[in-house]
Amino acid sequence: MPLCPPMAIEMRREGLLVDAATCTGCTKCIAPCPVGALSMVANPLVAARA
């Protein structure tokens, strides 16, 4: 998606797919989302790797 600088969001038939390994957590995708479908939540899998 163009509003995602690292290009971590992909539009698929089933909906949006966010690649957690690519997402930087910049939150630039949240405000422009026309339906409020995006939010930043903790990912326990990422936290476990840290």
N, C-alpha and C. Protein backbone atom coordinates (compact mmCIF):
# COMPACT_ATOMS: atom_id res chain seq x y z
N MET A 1 0.86 -1.18 0.00
CA MET A 1 0.00 0.00 0.00
C MET A 1 0.90 1.24 0.00
N PRO A 2 0.50 2.27 -0.73
CA PRO A 2 1.35 3.45 -0.87
C PRO A 2 1.58 4.23 0.43
N LEU A 3 0.71 4.09 1.42
CA LEU A 3 0.87 4.84 2.66
C LEU A 3 1.77 4.13 3.66
N CYS A 4 2.37 3.03 3.25
CA CYS A 4 3.25 2.27 4.13
C CYS A 4 4.68 2.40 3.60
N PRO A 5 5.51 3.25 4.24
CA PRO A 5 6.88 3.45 3.74
C PRO A 5 7.68 2.16 3.56
N PRO A 6 7.62 1.19 4.51
CA PRO A 6 8.41 -0.03 4.29
C PRO A 6 7.68 -1.06 3.42
N MET A 7 6.50 -0.70 2.93
CA MET A 7 5.71 -1.60 2.07
C MET A 7 5.36 -2.91 2.77
N ALA A 8 4.93 -2.83 4.03
CA ALA A 8 4.61 -4.00 4.82
C ALA A 8 3.15 -4.43 4.68
N ILE A 9 2.32 -3.62 4.02
CA ILE A 9 0.89 -3.93 3.89
C ILE A 9 0.59 -4.32 2.46
N GLU A 10 -0.12 -5.43 2.33
CA GLU A 10 -0.49 -5.92 1.01
C GLU A 10 -1.99 -6.15 0.97
N MET A 11 -2.62 -5.69 -0.10
CA MET A 11 -4.06 -5.90 -0.26
C MET A 11 -4.26 -7.24 -0.96
N ARG A 12 -5.02 -8.09 -0.32
CA ARG A 12 -5.34 -9.40 -0.89
C ARG A 12 -6.85 -9.53 -0.99
N ARG A 13 -7.28 -10.55 -1.65
CA ARG A 13 -8.72 -10.79 -1.79
C ARG A 13 -9.41 -10.90 -0.43
N GLU A 14 -8.73 -11.53 0.51
CA GLU A 14 -9.30 -11.73 1.85
C GLU A 14 -9.25 -10.48 2.71
N GLY A 15 -8.48 -9.50 2.31
CA GLY A 15 -8.33 -8.27 3.08
C GLY A 15 -6.87 -7.86 3.14
N LEU A 16 -6.54 -7.00 4.07
CA LEU A 16 -5.17 -6.52 4.21
C LEU A 16 -4.31 -7.55 4.93
N LEU A 17 -3.08 -7.67 4.47
CA LEU A 17 -2.11 -8.54 5.11
C LEU A 17 -0.93 -7.67 5.51
N VAL A 18 -0.59 -7.69 6.80
CA VAL A 18 0.54 -6.92 7.29
C VAL A 18 1.68 -7.89 7.60
N ASP A 19 2.82 -7.64 6.99
CA ASP A 19 4.00 -8.47 7.22
C ASP A 19 4.70 -7.94 8.47
N ALA A 20 4.57 -8.66 9.57
CA ALA A 20 5.13 -8.22 10.85
C ALA A 20 6.65 -8.09 10.80
N ALA A 21 7.30 -8.86 9.98
CA ALA A 21 8.76 -8.80 9.87
C ALA A 21 9.22 -7.53 9.16
N THR A 22 8.37 -6.96 8.31
CA THR A 22 8.71 -5.77 7.55
C THR A 22 8.20 -4.49 8.21
N CYS A 23 7.09 -4.58 8.94
CA CYS A 23 6.48 -3.41 9.58
C CYS A 23 7.44 -2.79 10.59
N THR A 24 7.61 -1.46 10.50
CA THR A 24 8.50 -0.75 11.42
C THR A 24 7.75 -0.12 12.59
N GLY A 25 6.42 -0.18 12.55
CA GLY A 25 5.62 0.41 13.61
C GLY A 25 5.52 1.91 13.53
N CYS A 26 5.71 2.48 12.35
CA CYS A 26 5.70 3.94 12.19
C CYS A 26 4.30 4.55 12.35
N THR A 27 3.26 3.79 12.23
CA THR A 27 1.84 4.18 12.36
C THR A 27 1.35 5.13 11.27
N LYS A 28 2.10 5.33 10.19
CA LYS A 28 1.68 6.24 9.12
C LYS A 28 0.46 5.72 8.36
N CYS A 29 0.11 4.47 8.53
CA CYS A 29 -1.03 3.87 7.84
C CYS A 29 -2.35 4.09 8.58
N ILE A 30 -2.29 4.37 9.87
CA ILE A 30 -3.50 4.40 10.70
C ILE A 30 -4.42 5.57 10.38
N ALA A 31 -3.95 6.79 10.43
CA ALA A 31 -4.80 7.96 10.22
C ALA A 31 -5.44 8.01 8.83
N PRO A 32 -4.73 7.68 7.75
CA PRO A 32 -5.33 7.77 6.42
C PRO A 32 -6.34 6.66 6.10
N CYS A 33 -6.42 5.61 6.90
CA CYS A 33 -7.33 4.51 6.61
C CYS A 33 -8.76 5.02 6.62
N PRO A 34 -9.48 4.95 5.47
CA PRO A 34 -10.81 5.55 5.38
C PRO A 34 -11.87 4.85 6.21
N VAL A 35 -11.64 3.64 6.64
CA VAL A 35 -12.66 2.92 7.42
C VAL A 35 -12.20 2.60 8.83
N GLY A 36 -11.04 3.10 9.23
CA GLY A 36 -10.54 2.87 10.59
C GLY A 36 -10.21 1.42 10.87
N ALA A 37 -9.79 0.69 9.84
CA ALA A 37 -9.54 -0.74 9.99
C ALA A 37 -8.16 -1.05 10.57
N LEU A 38 -7.29 -0.07 10.64
CA LEU A 38 -5.93 -0.34 11.11
C LEU A 38 -5.70 0.25 12.50
N SER A 39 -4.98 -0.48 13.32
CA SER A 39 -4.57 0.01 14.63
C SER A 39 -3.26 -0.67 14.98
N MET A 40 -2.54 -0.12 15.91
CA MET A 40 -1.27 -0.69 16.33
C MET A 40 -1.53 -1.51 17.59
N VAL A 41 -1.18 -2.77 17.53
CA VAL A 41 -1.34 -3.66 18.69
C VAL A 41 -0.02 -4.38 18.92
N ALA A 42 0.19 -4.81 20.15
CA ALA A 42 1.41 -5.56 20.48
C ALA A 42 1.33 -6.93 19.83
N ASN A 43 2.45 -7.35 19.29
CA ASN A 43 2.54 -8.67 18.68
C ASN A 43 3.38 -9.54 19.62
N PRO A 44 2.76 -10.49 20.31
CA PRO A 44 3.51 -11.30 21.27
C PRO A 44 4.64 -12.11 20.63
N LEU A 45 4.51 -12.47 19.36
CA LEU A 45 5.56 -13.22 18.68
C LEU A 45 6.81 -12.37 18.48
N VAL A 46 6.61 -11.09 18.17
CA VAL A 46 7.73 -10.17 17.99
C VAL A 46 8.37 -9.88 19.34
N ALA A 47 7.56 -9.67 20.37
CA ALA A 47 8.07 -9.37 21.71
C ALA A 47 8.90 -10.54 22.25
N ALA A 48 8.52 -11.76 21.91
CA ALA A 48 9.23 -12.94 22.40
C ALA A 48 10.62 -13.06 21.78
N ARG A 49 10.79 -12.51 20.56
CA ARG A 49 12.09 -12.58 19.89
C ARG A 49 13.07 -11.55 20.42
N ALA A 50 12.56 -10.49 21.04
CA ALA A 50 13.41 -9.38 21.49
C ALA A 50 14.23 -9.72 22.70
